Amino acid sequence: MRLVNAESDGLPGLVVDRYANFIVCQFLTAGADYWKPTLVEILASGSGVVGVYERSDVDVRAKEGLQSQTGVAWGDAPPDLVEVWEAAPARVGQVGERWRFGVDIMRGHKTGFYLDQRENRRLLAEYARGQKILNVFAYTGAFTVSSAWGGAREIISVDSSAPALALAAHNLALNRLPTTGLTEADAFKALREYRDRGETFDVIVLDPPKFAHAESQINKATRAYKDINWLALRLLNPGGHLFTFSCSGLITEDLFQKVLFGAALDAGREVQLIRRLSQATDHPVLLSFPEAAYLKGFVCRAA
């Protein structure tokens, strides 16, 4: 879970996540970095904490005149993988089920795992039964796990990183799920190849990395979002569902919806917006800091 969500929790520049008995923190501003010794001492006092690990290796620190910094801030060094549990949706006759994930907190994206997608993973499981699913930008396979657990009949998971896919296979095996369909490929090329081969899918998940890191990149980012969503809509079976996301804070929900409209128009598909999605509830948004609402998503149904 996320313990501290920076400005939205009243601590600008500080991000703190907990994975099992390890705390992972990012000090993103000069102010947060100044208070690092005190903050680490407080975090280390948490119940059951055996180690505090710093992942201040993000570009924004350079704007604050700070160098990138990672490593053990207190206590034990983490193992290569820390195993965490995540509650799965309830099924008839089953109580207290959970998914298991291996998290690489020393080298993984962000602090090691996409905690912000927790509730959206649970939702995807409800759409999965009997479906053929394409998970694009699959990373370490969390959406793949939820799809397989939900009863998908076939899943193809695409990512350009071989190490990420290896961890995805590990996560599937942890949950006693099939490890087939993991595909190392560039997402844009893979989508075009599936289109050219005439392949179709019942559910497609698009969860790309941040495309816009500065305002000067917004136009380029919107073209990229439109391209992948246009391709996805070409691949959806009638009545199929698209789970599509943007984690670019500079791309507003309104702009993202307009991009999807343009993609649907060019794809020649009538598309219904079924649900609006956002980050998990342990990633709150302070009303006076709307920029914290960085993750936005839609569940769409293609006619």
C-alpha atoms as a PDB file:
ATOM      1  CA  MET A   1       0.000   0.000   0.000  1.00  0.00           C
ATOM      2  CA  ARG A   2       0.956   3.639  -0.358  1.00  0.00           C
ATOM      3  CA  LEU A   3       1.570   5.292   3.007  1.00  0.00           C
ATOM      4  CA  VAL A   4       2.358   8.847   1.873  1.00  0.00           C
ATOM      5  CA  ASN A   5       1.180  10.413  -1.396  1.00  0.00           C
ATOM      6  CA  ALA A   6       3.250  13.612  -1.423  1.00  0.00           C
ATOM      7  CA  GLU A   7       1.307  16.897  -1.631  1.00  0.00           C
ATOM      8  CA  SER A   8      -2.038  15.139  -1.268  1.00  0.00           C
ATOM      9  CA  ASP A   9      -0.987  13.849   2.164  1.00  0.00           C
ATOM     10  CA  GLY A  10       0.480  17.177   3.248  1.00  0.00           C
ATOM     11  CA  LEU A  11       4.102  16.154   2.646  1.00  0.00           C
ATOM     12  CA  PRO A  12       5.219  17.673  -0.687  1.00  0.00           C
ATOM     13  CA  GLY A  13       7.921  15.724  -2.479  1.00  0.00           C
ATOM     14  CA  LEU A  14       7.645  12.614  -0.307  1.00  0.00           C
ATOM     15  CA  VAL A  15       6.332   9.293  -1.640  1.00  0.00           C
ATOM     16  CA  VAL A  16       6.302   6.278   0.672  1.00  0.00           C
ATOM     17  CA  ASP A  17       5.163   2.751  -0.221  1.00  0.00           C
ATOM     18  CA  ARG A  18       5.165  -0.366   1.920  1.00  0.00           C
ATOM     19  CA  TYR A  19       5.844  -3.851   0.564  1.00  0.00           C
ATOM     20  CA  ALA A  20       5.531  -6.518   3.264  1.00  0.00           C
ATOM     21  CA  ASN A  21       8.127  -5.530   5.915  1.00  0.00           C
ATOM     22  CA  PHE A  22      10.017  -3.058   3.721  1.00  0.00           C
ATOM     23  CA  ILE A  23       9.433   0.665   3.280  1.00  0.00           C
ATOM     24  CA  VAL A  24      10.379   2.271  -0.037  1.00  0.00           C
ATOM     25  CA  CYS A  25      10.595   6.048  -0.179  1.00  0.00           C
ATOM     26  CA  GLN A  26      11.278   8.776  -2.722  1.00  0.00           C
ATOM     27  CA  PHE A  27      12.503  12.237  -1.717  1.00  0.00           C
ATOM     28  CA  LEU A  28      11.639  14.330  -4.771  1.00  0.00           C
ATOM     29  CA  THR A  29      12.176  17.891  -3.570  1.00  0.00           C
ATOM     30  CA  ALA A  30      14.851  19.817  -1.693  1.00  0.00           C
ATOM     31  CA  GLY A  31      12.493  20.218   1.242  1.00  0.00           C
ATOM     32  CA  ALA A  32      11.772  16.508   1.517  1.00  0.00           C
ATOM     33  CA  ASP A  33      15.461  15.720   1.083  1.00  0.00           C
ATOM     34  CA  TYR A  34      16.393  18.146   3.891  1.00  0.00           C
ATOM     35  CA  TRP A  35      14.132  16.240   6.301  1.00  0.00           C
ATOM     36  CA  LYS A  36      15.294  12.816   5.122  1.00  0.00           C
ATOM     37  CA  PRO A  37      17.064  11.716   8.360  1.00  0.00           C
ATOM     38  CA  THR A  38      14.019  12.562  10.477  1.00  0.00           C
ATOM     39  CA  LEU A  39      11.572  11.019   8.004  1.00  0.00           C
ATOM     40  CA  VAL A  40      13.575   7.801   7.735  1.00  0.00           C
ATOM     41  CA  GLU A  41      13.686   7.537  11.536  1.00  0.00           C
ATOM     42  CA  ILE A  42       9.903   7.897  11.704  1.00  0.00           C
ATOM     43  CA  LEU A  43       9.315   5.362   8.924  1.00  0.00           C
ATOM     44  CA  ALA A  44      11.690   2.859  10.532  1.00  0.00           C
ATOM     45  CA  SER A  45       9.636   2.946  13.739  1.00  0.00           C
ATOM     46  CA  GLY A  46       6.610   1.432  11.979  1.00  0.00           C
ATOM     47  CA  SER A  47       5.330  -1.922  13.219  1.00  0.00           C
ATOM     48  CA  GLY A  48       7.242  -4.846  11.714  1.00  0.00           C
ATOM     49  CA  VAL A  49       9.497  -2.714   9.500  1.00  0.00           C
ATOM     50  CA  VAL A  50      12.874  -4.381   8.902  1.00  0.00           C
ATOM     51  CA  GLY A  51      14.279  -2.051   6.264  1.00  0.00           C
ATOM     52  CA  VAL A  52      13.836   1.353   4.623  1.00  0.00           C
ATOM     53  CA  TYR A  53      15.037   1.620   1.021  1.00  0.00           C
ATOM     54  CA  GLU A  54      15.449   4.865  -0.920  1.00  0.00           C
ATOM     55  CA  ARG A  55      14.461   5.106  -4.613  1.00  0.00           C
ATOM     56  CA  SER A  56      15.187   8.775  -5.270  1.00  0.00           C
ATOM     57  CA  ASP A  57      16.216   8.007  -8.854  1.00  0.00           C
ATOM     58  CA  VAL A  58      13.746  10.178 -10.770  1.00  0.00           C
ATOM     59  CA  ASP A  59      14.501  13.038 -13.165  1.00  0.00           C
ATOM     60  CA  VAL A  60      12.555  15.634 -11.190  1.00  0.00           C
ATOM     61  CA  ARG A  61      15.299  15.733  -8.533  1.00  0.00           C
ATOM     62  CA  ALA A  62      17.626  17.406 -11.031  1.00  0.00           C
ATOM     63  CA  LYS A  63      15.221  20.372 -11.210  1.00  0.00           C
ATOM     64  CA  GLU A  64      15.714  20.737  -7.445  1.00  0.00           C
ATOM     65  CA  GLY A  65      19.494  20.642  -7.774  1.00  0.00           C
ATOM     66  CA  LEU A  66      19.641  17.137  -6.310  1.00  0.00           C
ATOM     67  CA  GLN A  67      21.499  14.089  -7.559  1.00  0.00           C
ATOM     68  CA  SER A  68      19.907  10.684  -8.046  1.00  0.00           C
ATOM     69  CA  GLN A  69      20.224   8.495  -4.967  1.00  0.00           C
ATOM     70  CA  THR A  70      19.253   4.901  -4.164  1.00  0.00           C
ATOM     71  CA  GLY A  71      20.162   2.415  -1.475  1.00  0.00           C
ATOM     72  CA  VAL A  72      19.455   1.233   2.040  1.00  0.00           C
ATOM     73  CA  ALA A  73      18.444   4.161   4.235  1.00  0.00           C
ATOM     74  CA  TRP A  74      17.929   2.083   7.374  1.00  0.00           C
ATOM     75  CA  GLY A  75      17.970  -1.547   8.478  1.00  0.00           C
ATOM     76  CA  ASP A  76      18.163  -4.603   6.233  1.00  0.00           C
ATOM     77  CA  ALA A  77      18.757  -4.632   2.498  1.00  0.00           C
ATOM     78  CA  PRO A  78      15.758  -6.029   0.612  1.00  0.00           C
ATOM     79  CA  PRO A  79      15.977  -9.386  -1.173  1.00  0.00           C
ATOM     80  CA  ASP A  80      15.882  -9.512  -4.972  1.00  0.00           C
ATOM     81  CA  LEU A  81      12.124  -9.994  -4.763  1.00  0.00           C
ATOM     82  CA  VAL A  82       9.780  -9.076  -1.927  1.00  0.00           C
ATOM     83  CA  GLU A  83       6.569 -11.096  -1.988  1.00  0.00           C
ATOM     84  CA  VAL A  84       3.355  -9.161  -1.397  1.00  0.00           C
ATOM     85  CA  TRP A  85      -0.317 -10.117  -1.302  1.00  0.00           C
ATOM     86  CA  GLU A  86      -3.222  -8.304  -2.903  1.00  0.00           C
ATOM     87  CA  ALA A  87      -6.884  -9.032  -2.220  1.00  0.00           C
ATOM     88  CA  ALA A  88      -8.678 -10.660  -5.154  1.00  0.00           C
ATOM     89  CA  PRO A  89     -12.408 -10.179  -5.876  1.00  0.00           C
ATOM     90  CA  ALA A  90     -14.662 -12.526  -3.950  1.00  0.00           C
ATOM     91  CA  ARG A  91     -15.913 -15.603  -5.803  1.00  0.00           C
ATOM     92  CA  VAL A  92     -18.894 -17.744  -4.876  1.00  0.00           C
ATOM     93  CA  GLY A  93     -17.837 -20.272  -2.260  1.00  0.00           C
ATOM     94  CA  GLN A  94     -14.418 -18.687  -1.798  1.00  0.00           C
ATOM     95  CA  VAL A  95     -13.390 -16.428   1.083  1.00  0.00           C
ATOM     96  CA  GLY A  96     -10.271 -14.327   1.574  1.00  0.00           C
ATOM     97  CA  GLU A  97      -8.584 -15.104  -1.748  1.00  0.00           C
ATOM     98  CA  ARG A  98      -5.500 -13.112  -2.683  1.00  0.00           C
ATOM     99  CA  TRP A  99      -3.009 -12.677  -5.451  1.00  0.00           C
ATOM    100  CA  ARG A 100       0.720 -13.029  -4.817  1.00  0.00           C
ATOM    101  CA  PHE A 101       3.304 -10.825  -6.528  1.00  0.00           C
ATOM    102  CA  GLY A 102       7.082 -10.624  -6.461  1.00  0.00           C
ATOM    103  CA  VAL A 103       8.231  -6.986  -6.288  1.00  0.00           C
ATOM    104  CA  ASP A 104      11.703  -5.792  -7.255  1.00  0.00           C
ATOM    105  CA  ILE A 105      11.932  -2.700  -5.074  1.00  0.00           C
ATOM    106  CA  MET A 106      15.581  -2.049  -5.943  1.00  0.00           C
ATOM    107  CA  ARG A 107      15.255  -1.995  -9.746  1.00  0.00           C
ATOM    108  CA  GLY A 108      11.556  -1.982 -10.663  1.00  0.00           C
ATOM    109  CA  HIS A 109       9.609   0.939 -12.127  1.00  0.00           C
ATOM    110  CA  LYS A 110       8.613   3.657  -9.643  1.00  0.00           C
ATOM    111  CA  THR A 111       9.022   1.976  -6.240  1.00  0.00           C
ATOM    112  CA  GLY A 112       8.776  -1.514  -7.741  1.00  0.00           C
ATOM    113  CA  PHE A 113       5.094  -2.093  -8.475  1.00  0.00           C
ATOM    114  CA  TYR A 114       2.018  -0.273  -9.799  1.00  0.00           C
ATOM    115  CA  LEU A 115       0.038   0.022  -6.583  1.00  0.00           C
ATOM    116  CA  ASP A 116      -2.172   2.647  -8.219  1.00  0.00           C
ATOM    117  CA  GLN A 117      -3.828   0.018 -10.445  1.00  0.00           C
ATOM    118  CA  ARG A 118      -4.962  -2.244  -7.567  1.00  0.00           C
ATOM    119  CA  GLU A 119      -8.696  -1.575  -7.899  1.00  0.00           C
ATOM    120  CA  ASN A 120      -8.586  -1.679 -11.699  1.00  0.00           C
ATOM    121  CA  ARG A 121      -6.979  -5.142 -11.578  1.00  0.00           C
ATOM    122  CA  ARG A 122      -9.904  -6.340  -9.496  1.00  0.00           C
ATOM    123  CA  LEU A 123     -12.342  -4.888 -12.023  1.00  0.00           C
ATOM    124  CA  LEU A 124     -10.620  -6.527 -14.990  1.00  0.00           C
ATOM    125  CA  ALA A 125     -11.012  -9.944 -13.359  1.00  0.00           C
ATOM    126  CA  GLU A 126     -14.786  -9.473 -13.552  1.00  0.00           C
ATOM    127  CA  TYR A 127     -14.622  -9.058 -17.343  1.00  0.00           C
ATOM    128  CA  ALA A 128     -12.227 -11.937 -18.004  1.00  0.00           C
ATOM    129  CA  ARG A 129     -14.218 -15.185 -17.863  1.00  0.00           C
ATOM    130  CA  GLY A 130     -14.105 -17.022 -21.160  1.00  0.00           C
ATOM    131  CA  GLN A 131     -12.489 -14.089 -22.970  1.00  0.00           C
ATOM    132  CA  LYS A 132      -9.495 -13.806 -25.278  1.00  0.00           C
ATOM    133  CA  ILE A 133      -7.415 -10.997 -23.769  1.00  0.00           C
ATOM    134  CA  LEU A 134      -4.552  -8.851 -25.042  1.00  0.00           C
ATOM    135  CA  ASN A 135      -2.533  -7.106 -22.316  1.00  0.00           C
ATOM    136  CA  VAL A 136      -0.254  -4.484 -23.869  1.00  0.00           C
ATOM    137  CA  PHE A 137       2.605  -2.875 -21.901  1.00  0.00           C
ATOM    138  CA  ALA A 138       2.172  -5.813 -19.531  1.00  0.00           C
ATOM    139  CA  TYR A 139       5.256  -5.067 -17.388  1.00  0.00           C
ATOM    140  CA  THR A 140       5.398  -7.729 -14.635  1.00  0.00           C
ATOM    141  CA  GLY A 141       2.007  -9.178 -15.490  1.00  0.00           C
ATOM    142  CA  ALA A 142      -0.306  -7.902 -12.742  1.00  0.00           C
ATOM    143  CA  PHE A 143      -3.199  -7.427 -15.189  1.00  0.00           C
ATOM    144  CA  THR A 144      -2.305 -10.823 -16.669  1.00  0.00           C
ATOM    145  CA  VAL A 145      -2.626 -12.447 -13.251  1.00  0.00           C
ATOM    146  CA  SER A 146      -6.039 -10.861 -12.662  1.00  0.00           C
ATOM    147  CA  SER A 147      -7.215 -11.905 -16.142  1.00  0.00           C
ATOM    148  CA  ALA A 148      -6.051 -15.499 -15.736  1.00  0.00           C
ATOM    149  CA  TRP A 149      -7.514 -15.706 -12.238  1.00  0.00           C
ATOM    150  CA  GLY A 150     -10.790 -14.364 -13.615  1.00  0.00           C
ATOM    151  CA  GLY A 151     -11.034 -17.268 -16.047  1.00  0.00           C
ATOM    152  CA  ALA A 152      -9.781 -15.906 -19.374  1.00  0.00           C
ATOM    153  CA  ARG A 153      -9.587 -18.627 -22.019  1.00  0.00           C
ATOM    154  CA  GLU A 154      -6.472 -17.090 -23.655  1.00  0.00           C
ATOM    155  CA  ILE A 155      -4.135 -14.212 -22.744  1.00  0.00           C
ATOM    156  CA  ILE A 156      -1.376 -12.596 -24.778  1.00  0.00           C
ATOM    157  CA  SER A 157       0.850 -10.260 -22.734  1.00  0.00           C
ATOM    158  CA  VAL A 158       3.150  -7.905 -24.643  1.00  0.00           C
ATOM    159  CA  ASP A 159       6.104  -5.972 -23.242  1.00  0.00           C
ATOM    160  CA  SER A 160       9.451  -4.847 -24.663  1.00  0.00           C
ATOM    161  CA  SER A 161      11.379  -5.831 -21.491  1.00  0.00           C
ATOM    162  CA  ALA A 162      12.572  -9.422 -21.162  1.00  0.00           C
ATOM    163  CA  PRO A 163      13.318  -9.023 -17.407  1.00  0.00           C
ATOM    164  CA  ALA A 164       9.796  -7.680 -16.819  1.00  0.00           C
ATOM    165  CA  LEU A 165       8.282 -10.647 -18.647  1.00  0.00           C
ATOM    166  CA  ALA A 166      10.459 -13.040 -16.657  1.00  0.00           C
ATOM    167  CA  LEU A 167       8.996 -11.555 -13.481  1.00  0.00           C
ATOM    168  CA  ALA A 168       5.527 -11.810 -15.045  1.00  0.00           C
ATOM    169  CA  ALA A 169       6.114 -15.550 -15.514  1.00  0.00           C
ATOM    170  CA  HIS A 170       7.232 -15.750 -11.891  1.00  0.00           C
ATOM    171  CA  ASN A 171       4.071 -13.969 -10.730  1.00  0.00           C
ATOM    172  CA  LEU A 172       1.826 -16.259 -12.759  1.00  0.00           C
ATOM    173  CA  ALA A 173       3.592 -19.308 -11.349  1.00  0.00           C
ATOM    174  CA  LEU A 174       3.224 -17.910  -7.803  1.00  0.00           C
ATOM    175  CA  ASN A 175      -0.529 -17.927  -8.356  1.00  0.00           C
ATOM    176  CA  ARG A 176      -0.540 -21.360 -10.023  1.00  0.00           C
ATOM    177  CA  LEU A 177      -1.658 -19.877 -13.330  1.00  0.00           C
ATOM    178  CA  PRO A 178      -0.477 -20.705 -16.878  1.00  0.00           C
ATOM    179  CA  THR A 179       2.671 -18.890 -17.972  1.00  0.00           C
ATOM    180  CA  THR A 180       1.879 -18.992 -21.701  1.00  0.00           C
ATOM    181  CA  GLY A 181       1.388 -16.032 -24.041  1.00  0.00           C
ATOM    182  CA  LEU A 182       4.199 -13.818 -22.727  1.00  0.00           C
ATOM    183  CA  THR A 183       5.523 -11.941 -25.761  1.00  0.00           C
ATOM    184  CA  GLU A 184       8.615  -9.733 -25.948  1.00  0.00           C
ATOM    185  CA  ALA A 185       7.866  -7.069 -28.561  1.00  0.00           C
ATOM    186  CA  ASP A 186       7.471  -3.353 -29.192  1.00  0.00           C
ATOM    187  CA  ALA A 187       3.823  -2.595 -28.424  1.00  0.00           C
ATOM    188  CA  PHE A 188       3.194  -0.384 -31.459  1.00  0.00           C
ATOM    189  CA  LYS A 189       4.682  -2.945 -33.842  1.00  0.00           C
ATOM    190  CA  ALA A 190       2.890  -5.851 -32.170  1.00  0.00           C
ATOM    191  CA  LEU A 191      -0.497  -4.160 -32.460  1.00  0.00           C
ATOM    192  CA  ARG A 192       0.074  -3.562 -36.168  1.00  0.00           C
ATOM    193  CA  GLU A 193       1.158  -7.165 -36.688  1.00  0.00           C
ATOM    194  CA  TYR A 194      -1.993  -8.470 -34.983  1.00  0.00           C
ATOM    195  CA  ARG A 195      -4.066  -6.158 -37.195  1.00  0.00           C
ATOM    196  CA  ASP A 196      -2.302  -7.314 -40.367  1.00  0.00           C
ATOM    197  CA  ARG A 197      -2.858 -10.965 -39.402  1.00  0.00           C
ATOM    198  CA  GLY A 198      -6.534 -10.337 -38.761  1.00  0.00           C
ATOM    199  CA  GLU A 199      -6.375 -11.341 -35.100  1.00  0.00           C
ATOM    200  CA  THR A 200      -9.146 -10.136 -32.815  1.00  0.00           C
ATOM    201  CA  PHE A 201      -9.679 -10.036 -29.061  1.00  0.00           C
ATOM    202  CA  ASP A 202     -12.568  -9.795 -26.622  1.00  0.00           C
ATOM    203  CA  VAL A 203     -10.742  -7.583 -24.076  1.00  0.00           C
ATOM    204  CA  ILE A 204      -7.702  -5.358 -24.635  1.00  0.00           C
ATOM    205  CA  VAL A 205      -5.728  -3.624 -21.857  1.00  0.00           C
ATOM    206  CA  LEU A 206      -3.549  -0.619 -22.726  1.00  0.00           C
ATOM    207  CA  ASP A 207      -1.472   0.598 -19.765  1.00  0.00           C
ATOM    208  CA  PRO A 208       1.473   2.436 -21.337  1.00  0.00           C
ATOM    209  CA  PRO A 209       4.245   4.309 -19.534  1.00  0.00           C
ATOM    210  CA  LYS A 210       4.101   8.088 -19.257  1.00  0.00           C
ATOM    211  CA  PHE A 211       4.185   9.595 -22.762  1.00  0.00           C
ATOM    212  CA  ALA A 212       4.294  13.288 -21.726  1.00  0.00           C
ATOM    213  CA  HIS A 213       7.012  14.422 -19.300  1.00  0.00           C
ATOM    214  CA  ALA A 214       6.726  18.139 -20.209  1.00  0.00           C
ATOM    215  CA  GLU A 215       4.169  20.435 -21.802  1.00  0.00           C
ATOM    216  CA  SER A 216       6.255  20.496 -24.984  1.00  0.00           C
ATOM    217  CA  GLN A 217       5.559  16.752 -25.357  1.00  0.00           C
ATOM    218  CA  ILE A 218       1.754  16.874 -25.080  1.00  0.00           C
ATOM    219  CA  ASN A 219       1.087  16.899 -28.844  1.00  0.00           C
ATOM    220  CA  LYS A 220       3.464  13.996 -29.435  1.00  0.00           C
ATOM    221  CA  ALA A 221       1.916  12.105 -26.528  1.00  0.00           C
ATOM    222  CA  THR A 222      -1.650  12.569 -27.773  1.00  0.00           C
ATOM    223  CA  ARG A 223      -0.621  11.205 -31.185  1.00  0.00           C
ATOM    224  CA  ALA A 224       0.865   8.138 -29.488  1.00  0.00           C
ATOM    225  CA  TYR A 225      -2.257   7.595 -27.347  1.00  0.00           C
ATOM    226  CA  LYS A 226      -4.471   7.939 -30.410  1.00  0.00           C
ATOM    227  CA  ASP A 227      -2.338   5.490 -32.396  1.00  0.00           C
ATOM    228  CA  ILE A 228      -2.434   2.662 -29.857  1.00  0.00           C
ATOM    229  CA  ASN A 229      -6.133   3.137 -29.116  1.00  0.00           C
ATOM    230  CA  TRP A 230      -7.000   3.272 -32.826  1.00  0.00           C
ATOM    231  CA  LEU A 231      -5.125   0.002 -33.319  1.00  0.00           C
ATOM    232  CA  ALA A 232      -6.783  -1.575 -30.284  1.00  0.00           C
ATOM    233  CA  LEU A 233     -10.247  -0.629 -31.532  1.00  0.00           C
ATOM    234  CA  ARG A 234      -9.417  -2.269 -34.870  1.00  0.00           C
ATOM    235  CA  LEU A 235      -8.633  -5.496 -32.982  1.00  0.00           C
ATOM    236  CA  LEU A 236     -11.710  -5.655 -30.746  1.00  0.00           C
ATOM    237  CA  ASN A 237     -14.490  -8.101 -31.472  1.00  0.00           C
ATOM    238  CA  PRO A 238     -18.034  -6.664 -31.615  1.00  0.00           C
ATOM    239  CA  GLY A 239     -19.102  -6.055 -28.038  1.00  0.00           C
ATOM    240  CA  GLY A 240     -15.485  -6.273 -26.872  1.00  0.00           C
ATOM    241  CA  HIS A 241     -14.086  -4.141 -24.068  1.00  0.00           C
ATOM    242  CA  LEU A 242     -11.090  -1.821 -24.033  1.00  0.00           C
ATOM    243  CA  PHE A 243      -9.410  -0.947 -20.717  1.00  0.00           C
ATOM    244  CA  THR A 244      -7.286   2.053 -21.638  1.00  0.00           C
ATOM    245  CA  PHE A 245      -5.149   4.226 -19.362  1.00  0.00           C
ATOM    246  CA  SER A 246      -2.932   7.295 -19.297  1.00  0.00           C
ATOM    247  CA  CYS A 247      -0.563   7.973 -16.388  1.00  0.00           C
ATOM    248  CA  SER A 248       0.663  11.247 -17.927  1.00  0.00           C
ATOM    249  CA  GLY A 249      -0.323  13.955 -15.463  1.00  0.00           C
ATOM    250  CA  LEU A 250      -0.251  16.563 -18.237  1.00  0.00           C
ATOM    251  CA  ILE A 251      -2.912  14.677 -20.204  1.00  0.00           C
ATOM    252  CA  THR A 252      -6.218  15.614 -18.600  1.00  0.00           C
ATOM    253  CA  GLU A 253      -9.158  13.230 -18.488  1.00  0.00           C
ATOM    254  CA  ASP A 254     -11.069  15.506 -20.876  1.00  0.00           C
ATOM    255  CA  LEU A 255      -8.195  15.520 -23.373  1.00  0.00           C
ATOM    256  CA  PHE A 256      -7.767  11.756 -23.074  1.00  0.00           C
ATOM    257  CA  GLN A 257     -11.469  11.225 -23.799  1.00  0.00           C
ATOM    258  CA  LYS A 258     -11.194  13.453 -26.889  1.00  0.00           C
ATOM    259  CA  VAL A 259      -8.201  11.413 -28.056  1.00  0.00           C
ATOM    260  CA  LEU A 260     -10.263   8.236 -27.671  1.00  0.00           C
ATOM    261  CA  PHE A 261     -13.101   9.811 -29.645  1.00  0.00           C
ATOM    262  CA  GLY A 262     -10.689  10.594 -32.470  1.00  0.00           C
ATOM    263  CA  ALA A 263      -9.353   7.040 -32.398  1.00  0.00           C
ATOM    264  CA  ALA A 264     -12.880   5.604 -32.509  1.00  0.00           C
ATOM    265  CA  LEU A 265     -13.838   7.893 -35.403  1.00  0.00           C
ATOM    266  CA  ASP A 266     -10.781   6.869 -37.427  1.00  0.00           C
ATOM    267  CA  ALA A 267     -11.345   3.199 -36.597  1.00  0.00           C
ATOM    268  CA  GLY A 268     -14.940   3.428 -37.813  1.00  0.00           C
ATOM    269  CA  ARG A 269     -16.285   2.054 -34.517  1.00  0.00           C
ATOM    270  CA  GLU A 270     -19.190   3.152 -32.363  1.00  0.00           C
ATOM    271  CA  VAL A 271     -17.750   3.099 -28.845  1.00  0.00           C
ATOM    272  CA  GLN A 272     -19.545   3.404 -25.524  1.00  0.00           C
ATOM    273  CA  LEU A 273     -17.821   4.649 -22.379  1.00  0.00           C
ATOM    274  CA  ILE A 274     -18.832   2.168 -19.636  1.00  0.00           C
ATOM    275  CA  ARG A 275     -16.674   3.251 -16.677  1.00  0.00           C
ATOM    276  CA  ARG A 276     -14.237   5.987 -15.705  1.00  0.00           C
ATOM    277  CA  LEU A 277     -11.209   4.687 -13.817  1.00  0.00           C
ATOM    278  CA  SER A 278      -8.584   6.327 -11.619  1.00  0.00           C
ATOM    279  CA  GLN A 279      -5.817   5.547  -9.157  1.00  0.00           C
ATOM    280  CA  ALA A 280      -6.364   3.414  -6.054  1.00  0.00           C
ATOM    281  CA  THR A 281      -7.813   4.968  -2.908  1.00  0.00           C
ATOM    282  CA  ASP A 282      -4.443   5.023  -1.125  1.00  0.00           C
ATOM    283  CA  HIS A 283      -3.403   7.595  -3.771  1.00  0.00           C
ATOM    284  CA  PRO A 284      -5.693  10.465  -2.653  1.00  0.00           C
ATOM    285  CA  VAL A 285      -6.014  13.775  -4.490  1.00  0.00           C
ATOM    286  CA  LEU A 286      -5.937  17.024  -2.522  1.00  0.00           C
ATOM    287  CA  LEU A 287      -8.620  19.347  -3.931  1.00  0.00           C
ATOM    288  CA  SER A 288      -6.128  22.226  -3.990  1.00  0.00           C
ATOM    289  CA  PHE A 289      -3.633  20.023  -5.877  1.00  0.00           C
ATOM    290  CA  PRO A 290      -5.624  18.490  -8.787  1.00  0.00           C
ATOM    291  CA  GLU A 291      -2.380  17.538 -10.544  1.00  0.00           C
ATOM    292  CA  ALA A 292      -2.239  14.537  -8.183  1.00  0.00           C
ATOM    293  CA  ALA A 293      -4.993  12.918 -10.283  1.00  0.00           C
ATOM    294  CA  TYR A 294      -2.425  11.654 -12.785  1.00  0.00           C
ATOM    295  CA  LEU A 295      -3.933   8.236 -13.581  1.00  0.00           C
ATOM    296  CA  LYS A 296      -7.059   8.202 -15.672  1.00  0.00           C
ATOM    297  CA  GLY A 297      -8.687   5.373 -17.540  1.00  0.00           C
ATOM    298  CA  PHE A 298     -11.810   4.249 -19.331  1.00  0.00           C
ATOM    299  CA  VAL A 299     -13.583   0.976 -19.893  1.00  0.00           C
ATOM    300  CA  CYS A 300     -15.070   1.198 -23.371  1.00  0.00           C
ATOM    301  CA  ARG A 301     -17.341  -1.183 -25.287  1.00  0.00           C
ATOM    302  CA  ALA A 302     -17.003  -1.347 -29.051  1.00  0.00           C
ATOM    303  CA  ALA A 303     -20.209  -1.908 -31.023  1.00  0.00           C
END
